Amino acid sequence: MSFQMTINGRKVKANDGDTVLAVAERAGIHIPTLCDHKAVEPFGACRLCMVEVTKPSWDGWKGMMTACLYPAAPDLIVETNSKRVLHARRDILDLLLARCPESDLIQDLAAQHGVMQTSFVARDNPDLCILCGLCVRVCETAMTSAIATVSRGHERKIGTPWGGPPVDCIGCTSCAQVCPTGHITFEEDNGVRKIWQRDFEMVRCKSCDTPMMTVDERKHLIAKGNLDQSYFEECGSCKRQKAAEVFADVTLKTHPGFVPKQLGSVASVPLALMSGMTQRRSAK
């Protein structure tokens, strides 16, 4: 069921099950966030998406809520840039700047909100990890739960309980792909991927010899998806090229009288053919 709510004085459409953040994004209203990603469920770790909410029936009471978790509702009134919201957002960025003073992303966000330097004592030996938890959640959701949040307080970090390389890691780099600050890095050289202090042998495409994934990742996906190993013999680009060739061959056989003059690569044949056939049908 759809309904209307208000964001920054503007009426917007929402649906059952939407969060305030999702409604705002569809309406083109920006709410900053560091721990939200489409690949995982919302978690509310960074608190940067705090907004002020109220309803006409609440007799003037307003509350501060995380937009990524708070459910949209009929007649809900949301303010994303009120004085209270901006004050809270500046405090959060002030703390993040103390934790990760060398992060370009945190520096830019803080500067956008008028925080040019932290008012707190900067962390000793800082890194780029803001403890958003995205890496842990994507590993739990999609892969092997190889990493976790360990320790407490100022010693809290992402890693393994015993501090060594994660033995269950398959080198898929999902954690690095979702990391907003670039704290998690990896390297690939001569058919070997290095991440989390481990080396992983890469599987190469049998057609173009491009490294595709690690051997461990292939084993995991085969077991998880009950797939045949042959599915991972070629990269996506080569698969699309071969599919295009098959499609082009079938189309040319079924439409022998139609051959477009401009054909780039064989992969462009289907698009050219479909475009031409659409034009012919339109002309009838």
C-alpha atoms as a PDB file:
ATOM      1  CA  MET A   1       0.000   0.000   0.000  1.00  0.00           C
ATOM      2  CA  SER A   2       1.265   3.473  -0.833  1.00  0.00           C
ATOM      3  CA  PHE A   3       0.776   6.610   1.202  1.00  0.00           C
ATOM      4  CA  GLN A   4       2.108  10.136   1.578  1.00  0.00           C
ATOM      5  CA  MET A   5       4.530  11.570   4.096  1.00  0.00           C
ATOM      6  CA  THR A   6       6.458  14.831   4.305  1.00  0.00           C
ATOM      7  CA  ILE A   7      10.213  15.378   4.039  1.00  0.00           C
ATOM      8  CA  ASN A   8      11.553  18.913   4.432  1.00  0.00           C
ATOM      9  CA  GLY A   9       8.085  20.345   3.803  1.00  0.00           C
ATOM     10  CA  ARG A  10       7.616  18.351   0.603  1.00  0.00           C
ATOM     11  CA  LYS A  11       4.962  15.695   0.097  1.00  0.00           C
ATOM     12  CA  VAL A  12       6.500  12.418  -1.067  1.00  0.00           C
ATOM     13  CA  LYS A  13       5.129   8.976  -1.891  1.00  0.00           C
ATOM     14  CA  ALA A  14       6.083   5.991   0.256  1.00  0.00           C
ATOM     15  CA  ASN A  15       5.197   2.314   0.380  1.00  0.00           C
ATOM     16  CA  ASP A  16       4.677  -0.185   3.168  1.00  0.00           C
ATOM     17  CA  GLY A  17       8.038  -1.554   4.266  1.00  0.00           C
ATOM     18  CA  ASP A  18      10.024   1.513   3.172  1.00  0.00           C
ATOM     19  CA  THR A  19      12.509   3.178   5.449  1.00  0.00           C
ATOM     20  CA  VAL A  20      12.770   6.958   5.638  1.00  0.00           C
ATOM     21  CA  LEU A  21      16.140   6.748   3.884  1.00  0.00           C
ATOM     22  CA  ALA A  22      14.713   4.740   0.977  1.00  0.00           C
ATOM     23  CA  VAL A  23      11.846   7.211   0.520  1.00  0.00           C
ATOM     24  CA  ALA A  24      14.243  10.156   0.610  1.00  0.00           C
ATOM     25  CA  GLU A  25      16.560   8.570  -1.953  1.00  0.00           C
ATOM     26  CA  ARG A  26      13.699   7.948  -4.381  1.00  0.00           C
ATOM     27  CA  ALA A  27      12.589  11.547  -3.968  1.00  0.00           C
ATOM     28  CA  GLY A  28      16.114  12.858  -4.634  1.00  0.00           C
ATOM     29  CA  ILE A  29      16.591  14.122  -1.089  1.00  0.00           C
ATOM     30  CA  HIS A  30      20.129  13.550   0.140  1.00  0.00           C
ATOM     31  CA  ILE A  31      20.739  12.116   3.600  1.00  0.00           C
ATOM     32  CA  PRO A  32      24.414  11.361   4.302  1.00  0.00           C
ATOM     33  CA  THR A  33      25.279   7.839   5.422  1.00  0.00           C
ATOM     34  CA  LEU A  34      28.400   5.736   5.758  1.00  0.00           C
ATOM     35  CA  CYS A  35      27.134   2.287   6.712  1.00  0.00           C
ATOM     36  CA  ASP A  36      24.217   1.808   4.304  1.00  0.00           C
ATOM     37  CA  HIS A  37      24.612  -0.498   1.301  1.00  0.00           C
ATOM     38  CA  LYS A  38      22.133  -2.273  -0.971  1.00  0.00           C
ATOM     39  CA  ALA A  39      23.955  -5.574  -0.505  1.00  0.00           C
ATOM     40  CA  VAL A  40      23.079  -5.865   3.190  1.00  0.00           C
ATOM     41  CA  GLU A  41      20.259  -5.075   5.578  1.00  0.00           C
ATOM     42  CA  PRO A  42      20.380  -1.642   7.280  1.00  0.00           C
ATOM     43  CA  PHE A  43      22.222  -1.544  10.584  1.00  0.00           C
ATOM     44  CA  GLY A  44      22.408   2.058  11.811  1.00  0.00           C
ATOM     45  CA  ALA A  45      26.051   1.851  12.866  1.00  0.00           C
ATOM     46  CA  CYS A  46      27.383   5.223  11.723  1.00  0.00           C
ATOM     47  CA  ARG A  47      24.400   7.303  12.976  1.00  0.00           C
ATOM     48  CA  LEU A  48      25.154   9.882  10.289  1.00  0.00           C
ATOM     49  CA  CYS A  49      21.688   9.522   8.752  1.00  0.00           C
ATOM     50  CA  MET A  50      19.937  10.834  11.876  1.00  0.00           C
ATOM     51  CA  VAL A  51      16.787  12.814  11.063  1.00  0.00           C
ATOM     52  CA  GLU A  52      14.079  14.513  13.106  1.00  0.00           C
ATOM     53  CA  VAL A  53      10.622  12.948  12.924  1.00  0.00           C
ATOM     54  CA  THR A  54       7.184  13.870  14.190  1.00  0.00           C
ATOM     55  CA  LYS A  55       3.485  13.508  13.418  1.00  0.00           C
ATOM     56  CA  PRO A  56       0.538  15.905  13.768  1.00  0.00           C
ATOM     57  CA  SER A  57      -0.879  13.597  16.441  1.00  0.00           C
ATOM     58  CA  TRP A  58       2.260  13.792  18.591  1.00  0.00           C
ATOM     59  CA  ASP A  59       1.406  17.234  20.012  1.00  0.00           C
ATOM     60  CA  GLY A  60       4.683  18.811  18.964  1.00  0.00           C
ATOM     61  CA  TRP A  61       6.997  16.034  20.186  1.00  0.00           C
ATOM     62  CA  LYS A  62       9.940  15.359  17.860  1.00  0.00           C
ATOM     63  CA  GLY A  63      12.432  12.537  17.978  1.00  0.00           C
ATOM     64  CA  MET A  64      15.853  11.863  16.495  1.00  0.00           C
ATOM     65  CA  MET A  65      15.908   8.625  14.504  1.00  0.00           C
ATOM     66  CA  THR A  66      18.221   6.861  12.061  1.00  0.00           C
ATOM     67  CA  ALA A  67      16.699   7.212   8.595  1.00  0.00           C
ATOM     68  CA  CYS A  68      18.093   3.854   7.455  1.00  0.00           C
ATOM     69  CA  LEU A  69      16.103   1.994  10.127  1.00  0.00           C
ATOM     70  CA  TYR A  70      13.073   4.144  10.887  1.00  0.00           C
ATOM     71  CA  PRO A  71       9.977   2.944   8.991  1.00  0.00           C
ATOM     72  CA  ALA A  72       8.067   5.298   6.737  1.00  0.00           C
ATOM     73  CA  ALA A  73       4.483   5.878   7.882  1.00  0.00           C
ATOM     74  CA  PRO A  74       1.415   7.867   6.786  1.00  0.00           C
ATOM     75  CA  ASP A  75       1.506  11.519   7.884  1.00  0.00           C
ATOM     76  CA  LEU A  76       5.094  11.201   9.095  1.00  0.00           C
ATOM     77  CA  ILE A  77       6.943  14.527   9.014  1.00  0.00           C
ATOM     78  CA  VAL A  78      10.716  14.341   8.547  1.00  0.00           C
ATOM     79  CA  GLU A  79      13.345  17.060   8.750  1.00  0.00           C
ATOM     80  CA  THR A  80      16.753  16.158   7.370  1.00  0.00           C
ATOM     81  CA  ASN A  81      18.508  19.498   7.951  1.00  0.00           C
ATOM     82  CA  SER A  82      17.011  21.001  11.107  1.00  0.00           C
ATOM     83  CA  LYS A  83      19.313  22.684  13.640  1.00  0.00           C
ATOM     84  CA  ARG A  84      19.047  19.656  15.893  1.00  0.00           C
ATOM     85  CA  VAL A  85      19.924  17.252  13.071  1.00  0.00           C
ATOM     86  CA  LEU A  86      22.864  19.309  11.846  1.00  0.00           C
ATOM     87  CA  HIS A  87      24.222  19.633  15.378  1.00  0.00           C
ATOM     88  CA  ALA A  88      24.090  15.860  15.864  1.00  0.00           C
ATOM     89  CA  ARG A  89      25.651  15.275  12.452  1.00  0.00           C
ATOM     90  CA  ARG A  90      28.515  17.648  13.227  1.00  0.00           C
ATOM     91  CA  ASP A  91      29.167  15.882  16.545  1.00  0.00           C
ATOM     92  CA  ILE A  92      29.317  12.507  14.797  1.00  0.00           C
ATOM     93  CA  LEU A  93      31.714  13.803  12.164  1.00  0.00           C
ATOM     94  CA  ASP A  94      33.810  15.440  14.879  1.00  0.00           C
ATOM     95  CA  LEU A  95      34.202  12.042  16.542  1.00  0.00           C
ATOM     96  CA  LEU A  96      34.926  10.302  13.242  1.00  0.00           C
ATOM     97  CA  LEU A  97      37.539  12.916  12.430  1.00  0.00           C
ATOM     98  CA  ALA A  98      39.269  12.135  15.726  1.00  0.00           C
ATOM     99  CA  ARG A  99      39.163   8.438  14.925  1.00  0.00           C
ATOM    100  CA  CYS A 100      40.216   8.666  11.263  1.00  0.00           C
ATOM    101  CA  PRO A 101      41.919  12.034  10.739  1.00  0.00           C
ATOM    102  CA  GLU A 102      43.648  10.810   7.564  1.00  0.00           C
ATOM    103  CA  SER A 103      40.482   9.652   5.781  1.00  0.00           C
ATOM    104  CA  ASP A 104      39.728  11.823   2.746  1.00  0.00           C
ATOM    105  CA  LEU A 105      36.066  10.857   2.902  1.00  0.00           C
ATOM    106  CA  ILE A 106      35.685  11.839   6.554  1.00  0.00           C
ATOM    107  CA  GLN A 107      37.626  15.055   5.987  1.00  0.00           C
ATOM    108  CA  ASP A 108      35.339  16.013   3.085  1.00  0.00           C
ATOM    109  CA  LEU A 109      32.117  15.187   4.944  1.00  0.00           C
ATOM    110  CA  ALA A 110      33.296  17.032   8.041  1.00  0.00           C
ATOM    111  CA  ALA A 111      34.281  20.110   6.010  1.00  0.00           C
ATOM    112  CA  GLN A 112      30.867  20.103   4.307  1.00  0.00           C
ATOM    113  CA  HIS A 113      29.338  20.422   7.770  1.00  0.00           C
ATOM    114  CA  GLY A 114      31.746  23.081   8.987  1.00  0.00           C
ATOM    115  CA  VAL A 115      34.024  20.775  11.001  1.00  0.00           C
ATOM    116  CA  MET A 116      37.518  21.642   9.858  1.00  0.00           C
ATOM    117  CA  GLN A 117      39.355  19.915  12.708  1.00  0.00           C
ATOM    118  CA  THR A 118      38.326  17.665  15.561  1.00  0.00           C
ATOM    119  CA  SER A 119      37.662  19.036  19.035  1.00  0.00           C
ATOM    120  CA  PHE A 120      38.573  15.661  20.529  1.00  0.00           C
ATOM    121  CA  VAL A 121      41.964  14.078  21.071  1.00  0.00           C
ATOM    122  CA  ALA A 122      42.957  12.298  17.872  1.00  0.00           C
ATOM    123  CA  ARG A 123      43.526   8.562  18.107  1.00  0.00           C
ATOM    124  CA  ASP A 124      47.074   7.298  18.364  1.00  0.00           C
ATOM    125  CA  ASN A 125      48.224   5.419  15.255  1.00  0.00           C
ATOM    126  CA  PRO A 126      44.972   6.078  13.367  1.00  0.00           C
ATOM    127  CA  ASP A 127      43.854   4.067  10.372  1.00  0.00           C
ATOM    128  CA  LEU A 128      40.929   4.462   7.960  1.00  0.00           C
ATOM    129  CA  CYS A 129      38.458   2.096   9.685  1.00  0.00           C
ATOM    130  CA  ILE A 130      35.317   3.874  10.943  1.00  0.00           C
ATOM    131  CA  LEU A 131      33.799   0.643  12.352  1.00  0.00           C
ATOM    132  CA  CYS A 132      30.756   0.897  10.083  1.00  0.00           C
ATOM    133  CA  GLY A 133      30.560  -2.908  10.023  1.00  0.00           C
ATOM    134  CA  LEU A 134      29.812  -3.141   6.296  1.00  0.00           C
ATOM    135  CA  CYS A 135      32.668  -5.553   5.694  1.00  0.00           C
ATOM    136  CA  VAL A 136      31.528  -7.883   8.461  1.00  0.00           C
ATOM    137  CA  ARG A 137      27.904  -7.828   7.361  1.00  0.00           C
ATOM    138  CA  VAL A 138      28.628  -8.487   3.684  1.00  0.00           C
ATOM    139  CA  CYS A 139      30.917 -11.383   4.639  1.00  0.00           C
ATOM    140  CA  GLU A 140      28.170 -12.818   6.859  1.00  0.00           C
ATOM    141  CA  THR A 141      25.484 -12.316   4.216  1.00  0.00           C
ATOM    142  CA  ALA A 142      27.222 -13.378   1.041  1.00  0.00           C
ATOM    143  CA  MET A 143      30.304 -15.342   1.946  1.00  0.00           C
ATOM    144  CA  THR A 144      31.916 -17.143   4.898  1.00  0.00           C
ATOM    145  CA  SER A 145      31.782 -14.929   8.036  1.00  0.00           C
ATOM    146  CA  ALA A 146      35.560 -14.861   7.970  1.00  0.00           C
ATOM    147  CA  ILE A 147      35.904 -11.548   9.819  1.00  0.00           C
ATOM    148  CA  ALA A 148      34.158  -9.980  12.796  1.00  0.00           C
ATOM    149  CA  THR A 149      34.185  -7.045  15.175  1.00  0.00           C
ATOM    150  CA  VAL A 150      36.574  -7.907  18.007  1.00  0.00           C
ATOM    151  CA  SER A 151      37.479  -6.306  21.364  1.00  0.00           C
ATOM    152  CA  ARG A 152      35.619  -3.425  23.018  1.00  0.00           C
ATOM    153  CA  GLY A 153      35.849   0.319  23.584  1.00  0.00           C
ATOM    154  CA  HIS A 154      38.779   2.129  22.032  1.00  0.00           C
ATOM    155  CA  GLU A 155      40.407  -1.230  21.181  1.00  0.00           C
ATOM    156  CA  ARG A 156      37.494  -2.343  19.029  1.00  0.00           C
ATOM    157  CA  LYS A 157      38.491  -3.327  15.489  1.00  0.00           C
ATOM    158  CA  ILE A 158      37.693  -5.571  12.536  1.00  0.00           C
ATOM    159  CA  GLY A 159      39.600  -8.830  12.357  1.00  0.00           C
ATOM    160  CA  THR A 160      39.648 -12.291  13.885  1.00  0.00           C
ATOM    161  CA  PRO A 161      39.358 -13.217  17.573  1.00  0.00           C
ATOM    162  CA  TRP A 162      42.945 -14.488  17.681  1.00  0.00           C
ATOM    163  CA  GLY A 163      44.409 -11.629  15.637  1.00  0.00           C
ATOM    164  CA  GLY A 164      45.821 -13.665  12.770  1.00  0.00           C
ATOM    165  CA  PRO A 165      44.736 -13.924   9.125  1.00  0.00           C
ATOM    166  CA  PRO A 166      41.122 -15.157   8.763  1.00  0.00           C
ATOM    167  CA  VAL A 167      41.303 -18.871   7.966  1.00  0.00           C
ATOM    168  CA  ASP A 168      37.806 -18.919   6.433  1.00  0.00           C
ATOM    169  CA  CYS A 169      38.528 -16.047   4.034  1.00  0.00           C
ATOM    170  CA  ILE A 170      38.182 -17.012   0.360  1.00  0.00           C
ATOM    171  CA  GLY A 171      39.722 -13.823  -1.045  1.00  0.00           C
ATOM    172  CA  CYS A 172      36.543 -12.624  -2.750  1.00  0.00           C
ATOM    173  CA  THR A 173      37.234  -8.924  -1.871  1.00  0.00           C
ATOM    174  CA  SER A 174      33.557  -8.270  -1.043  1.00  0.00           C
ATOM    175  CA  CYS A 175      34.714  -6.576   2.160  1.00  0.00           C
ATOM    176  CA  ALA A 176      37.057  -4.283   0.255  1.00  0.00           C
ATOM    177  CA  GLN A 177      34.398  -3.446  -2.332  1.00  0.00           C
ATOM    178  CA  VAL A 178      31.925  -2.146   0.288  1.00  0.00           C
ATOM    179  CA  CYS A 179      34.438  -0.397   2.561  1.00  0.00           C
ATOM    180  CA  PRO A 180      33.543   3.321   2.319  1.00  0.00           C
ATOM    181  CA  THR A 181      36.956   4.680   3.328  1.00  0.00           C
ATOM    182  CA  GLY A 182      39.292   2.284   1.520  1.00  0.00           C
ATOM    183  CA  HIS A 183      40.655   0.820   4.757  1.00  0.00           C
ATOM    184  CA  ILE A 184      40.523  -2.740   3.415  1.00  0.00           C
ATOM    185  CA  THR A 185      42.840  -3.131   0.449  1.00  0.00           C
ATOM    186  CA  PHE A 186      44.027  -5.946  -1.780  1.00  0.00           C
ATOM    187  CA  GLU A 187      46.638  -6.516  -4.459  1.00  0.00           C
ATOM    188  CA  GLU A 188      46.745  -8.735  -7.522  1.00  0.00           C
ATOM    189  CA  ASP A 189      49.989  -9.696  -9.178  1.00  0.00           C
ATOM    190  CA  ASN A 190      51.026 -12.571 -11.430  1.00  0.00           C
ATOM    191  CA  GLY A 191      47.879 -14.580 -10.796  1.00  0.00           C
ATOM    192  CA  VAL A 192      47.921 -14.130  -7.016  1.00  0.00           C
ATOM    193  CA  ARG A 193      45.550 -11.980  -4.942  1.00  0.00           C
ATOM    194  CA  LYS A 194      46.732 -10.706  -1.561  1.00  0.00           C
ATOM    195  CA  ILE A 195      44.206  -9.673   1.103  1.00  0.00           C
ATOM    196  CA  TRP A 196      44.013 -10.026   4.886  1.00  0.00           C
ATOM    197  CA  GLN A 197      47.665 -11.151   5.026  1.00  0.00           C
ATOM    198  CA  ARG A 198      46.916 -14.152   2.835  1.00  0.00           C
ATOM    199  CA  ASP A 199      47.783 -15.128  -0.736  1.00  0.00           C
ATOM    200  CA  PHE A 200      45.131 -16.634  -3.004  1.00  0.00           C
ATOM    201  CA  GLU A 201      45.699 -18.341  -6.335  1.00  0.00           C
ATOM    202  CA  MET A 202      43.514 -16.862  -9.086  1.00  0.00           C
ATOM    203  CA  VAL A 203      41.348 -18.715 -11.606  1.00  0.00           C
ATOM    204  CA  ARG A 204      41.988 -17.485 -15.146  1.00  0.00           C
ATOM    205  CA  CYS A 205      39.498 -17.289 -18.006  1.00  0.00           C
ATOM    206  CA  LYS A 206      40.253 -20.113 -20.439  1.00  0.00           C
ATOM    207  CA  SER A 207      39.493 -17.837 -23.399  1.00  0.00           C
ATOM    208  CA  CYS A 208      41.229 -14.529 -22.611  1.00  0.00           C
ATOM    209  CA  ASP A 209      43.439 -15.561 -19.644  1.00  0.00           C
ATOM    210  CA  THR A 210      42.066 -12.740 -17.465  1.00  0.00           C
ATOM    211  CA  PRO A 211      42.178 -13.482 -13.696  1.00  0.00           C
ATOM    212  CA  MET A 212      38.533 -13.850 -12.574  1.00  0.00           C
ATOM    213  CA  MET A 213      38.347 -15.024  -8.970  1.00  0.00           C
ATOM    214  CA  THR A 214      40.294 -17.015  -6.437  1.00  0.00           C
ATOM    215  CA  VAL A 215      40.333 -20.799  -6.431  1.00  0.00           C
ATOM    216  CA  ASP A 216      38.826 -20.713  -2.918  1.00  0.00           C
ATOM    217  CA  GLU A 217      36.007 -18.428  -4.032  1.00  0.00           C
ATOM    218  CA  ARG A 218      35.187 -20.738  -6.943  1.00  0.00           C
ATOM    219  CA  LYS A 219      35.046 -23.739  -4.600  1.00  0.00           C
ATOM    220  CA  HIS A 220      32.751 -21.823  -2.248  1.00  0.00           C
ATOM    221  CA  LEU A 221      30.369 -20.704  -5.000  1.00  0.00           C
ATOM    222  CA  ILE A 222      30.234 -24.181  -6.551  1.00  0.00           C
ATOM    223  CA  ALA A 223      29.306 -25.702  -3.189  1.00  0.00           C
ATOM    224  CA  LYS A 224      26.894 -22.930  -2.204  1.00  0.00           C
ATOM    225  CA  GLY A 225      25.079 -22.755  -5.533  1.00  0.00           C
ATOM    226  CA  ASN A 226      25.367 -26.418  -6.498  1.00  0.00           C
ATOM    227  CA  LEU A 227      27.009 -25.306  -9.751  1.00  0.00           C
ATOM    228  CA  ASP A 228      29.241 -27.167 -12.156  1.00  0.00           C
ATOM    229  CA  GLN A 229      32.887 -26.104 -12.296  1.00  0.00           C
ATOM    230  CA  SER A 230      32.543 -25.413 -16.029  1.00  0.00           C
ATOM    231  CA  TYR A 231      30.356 -22.399 -15.157  1.00  0.00           C
ATOM    232  CA  PHE A 232      33.473 -20.622 -13.910  1.00  0.00           C
ATOM    233  CA  GLU A 233      35.774 -21.441 -16.818  1.00  0.00           C
ATOM    234  CA  GLU A 234      35.179 -18.138 -18.614  1.00  0.00           C
ATOM    235  CA  CYS A 235      34.885 -14.530 -17.511  1.00  0.00           C
ATOM    236  CA  GLY A 236      31.672 -12.544 -17.896  1.00  0.00           C
ATOM    237  CA  SER A 237      32.993 -10.610 -20.884  1.00  0.00           C
ATOM    238  CA  CYS A 238      33.814 -13.760 -22.857  1.00  0.00           C
ATOM    239  CA  LYS A 239      30.473 -15.320 -21.932  1.00  0.00           C
ATOM    240  CA  ARG A 240      28.633 -12.258 -23.241  1.00  0.00           C
ATOM    241  CA  GLN A 241      30.703 -12.296 -26.428  1.00  0.00           C
ATOM    242  CA  LYS A 242      29.886 -15.935 -27.120  1.00  0.00           C
ATOM    243  CA  ALA A 243      26.207 -15.413 -26.307  1.00  0.00           C
ATOM    244  CA  ALA A 244      26.164 -12.504 -28.740  1.00  0.00           C
ATOM    245  CA  GLU A 245      27.729 -14.652 -31.445  1.00  0.00           C
ATOM    246  CA  VAL A 246      25.126 -17.390 -30.939  1.00  0.00           C
ATOM    247  CA  PHE A 247      22.294 -14.860 -30.957  1.00  0.00           C
ATOM    248  CA  ALA A 248      23.652 -13.220 -34.084  1.00  0.00           C
ATOM    249  CA  ASP A 249      23.995 -16.574 -35.858  1.00  0.00           C
ATOM    250  CA  VAL A 250      20.422 -17.607 -35.006  1.00  0.00           C
ATOM    251  CA  THR A 251      19.015 -14.214 -35.964  1.00  0.00           C
ATOM    252  CA  LEU A 252      20.831 -14.126 -39.293  1.00  0.00           C
ATOM    253  CA  LYS A 253      19.556 -17.618 -40.116  1.00  0.00           C
ATOM    254  CA  THR A 254      15.951 -16.739 -39.250  1.00  0.00           C
ATOM    255  CA  HIS A 255      16.154 -13.354 -41.058  1.00  0.00           C
ATOM    256  CA  PRO A 256      18.393 -14.084 -44.072  1.00  0.00           C
ATOM    257  CA  GLY A 257      17.203 -11.049 -45.992  1.00  0.00           C
ATOM    258  CA  PHE A 258      18.149  -8.581 -43.274  1.00  0.00           C
ATOM    259  CA  VAL A 259      21.811  -7.694 -42.747  1.00  0.00           C
ATOM    260  CA  PRO A 260      22.615  -4.243 -41.278  1.00  0.00           C
ATOM    261  CA  LYS A 261      25.327  -2.309 -43.104  1.00  0.00           C
ATOM    262  CA  GLN A 262      26.966  -0.980 -39.916  1.00  0.00           C
ATOM    263  CA  LEU A 263      28.235  -3.877 -37.795  1.00  0.00           C
ATOM    264  CA  GLY A 264      31.007  -3.148 -35.360  1.00  0.00           C
ATOM    265  CA  SER A 265      32.134  -6.185 -33.436  1.00  0.00           C
ATOM    266  CA  VAL A 266      30.208  -9.435 -33.537  1.00  0.00           C
ATOM    267  CA  ALA A 267      28.935  -8.576 -30.058  1.00  0.00           C
ATOM    268  CA  SER A 268      27.104  -5.570 -31.530  1.00  0.00           C
ATOM    269  CA  VAL A 269      25.206  -7.660 -34.079  1.00  0.00           C
ATOM    270  CA  PRO A 270      22.209  -8.492 -31.837  1.00  0.00           C
ATOM    271  CA  LEU A 271      21.678  -4.860 -30.876  1.00  0.00           C
ATOM    272  CA  ALA A 272      21.958  -3.744 -34.475  1.00  0.00           C
ATOM    273  CA  LEU A 273      19.582  -6.457 -35.634  1.00  0.00           C
ATOM    274  CA  MET A 274      17.027  -5.747 -32.944  1.00  0.00           C
ATOM    275  CA  SER A 275      17.208  -2.048 -33.709  1.00  0.00           C
ATOM    276  CA  GLY A 276      16.679  -2.708 -37.416  1.00  0.00           C
ATOM    277  CA  MET A 277      13.804  -5.117 -36.855  1.00  0.00           C
ATOM    278  CA  THR A 278      12.129  -2.655 -34.504  1.00  0.00           C
ATOM    279  CA  GLN A 279      12.375   0.033 -37.168  1.00  0.00           C
ATOM    280  CA  ARG A 280      10.937  -2.308 -39.812  1.00  0.00           C
ATOM    281  CA  ARG A 281       7.995  -3.268 -37.596  1.00  0.00           C
ATOM    282  CA  SER A 282       7.350   0.409 -36.847  1.00  0.00           C
ATOM    283  CA  ALA A 283       7.281   1.234 -40.552  1.00  0.00           C
ATOM    284  CA  LYS A 284       4.575  -1.318 -41.315  1.00  0.00           C
END
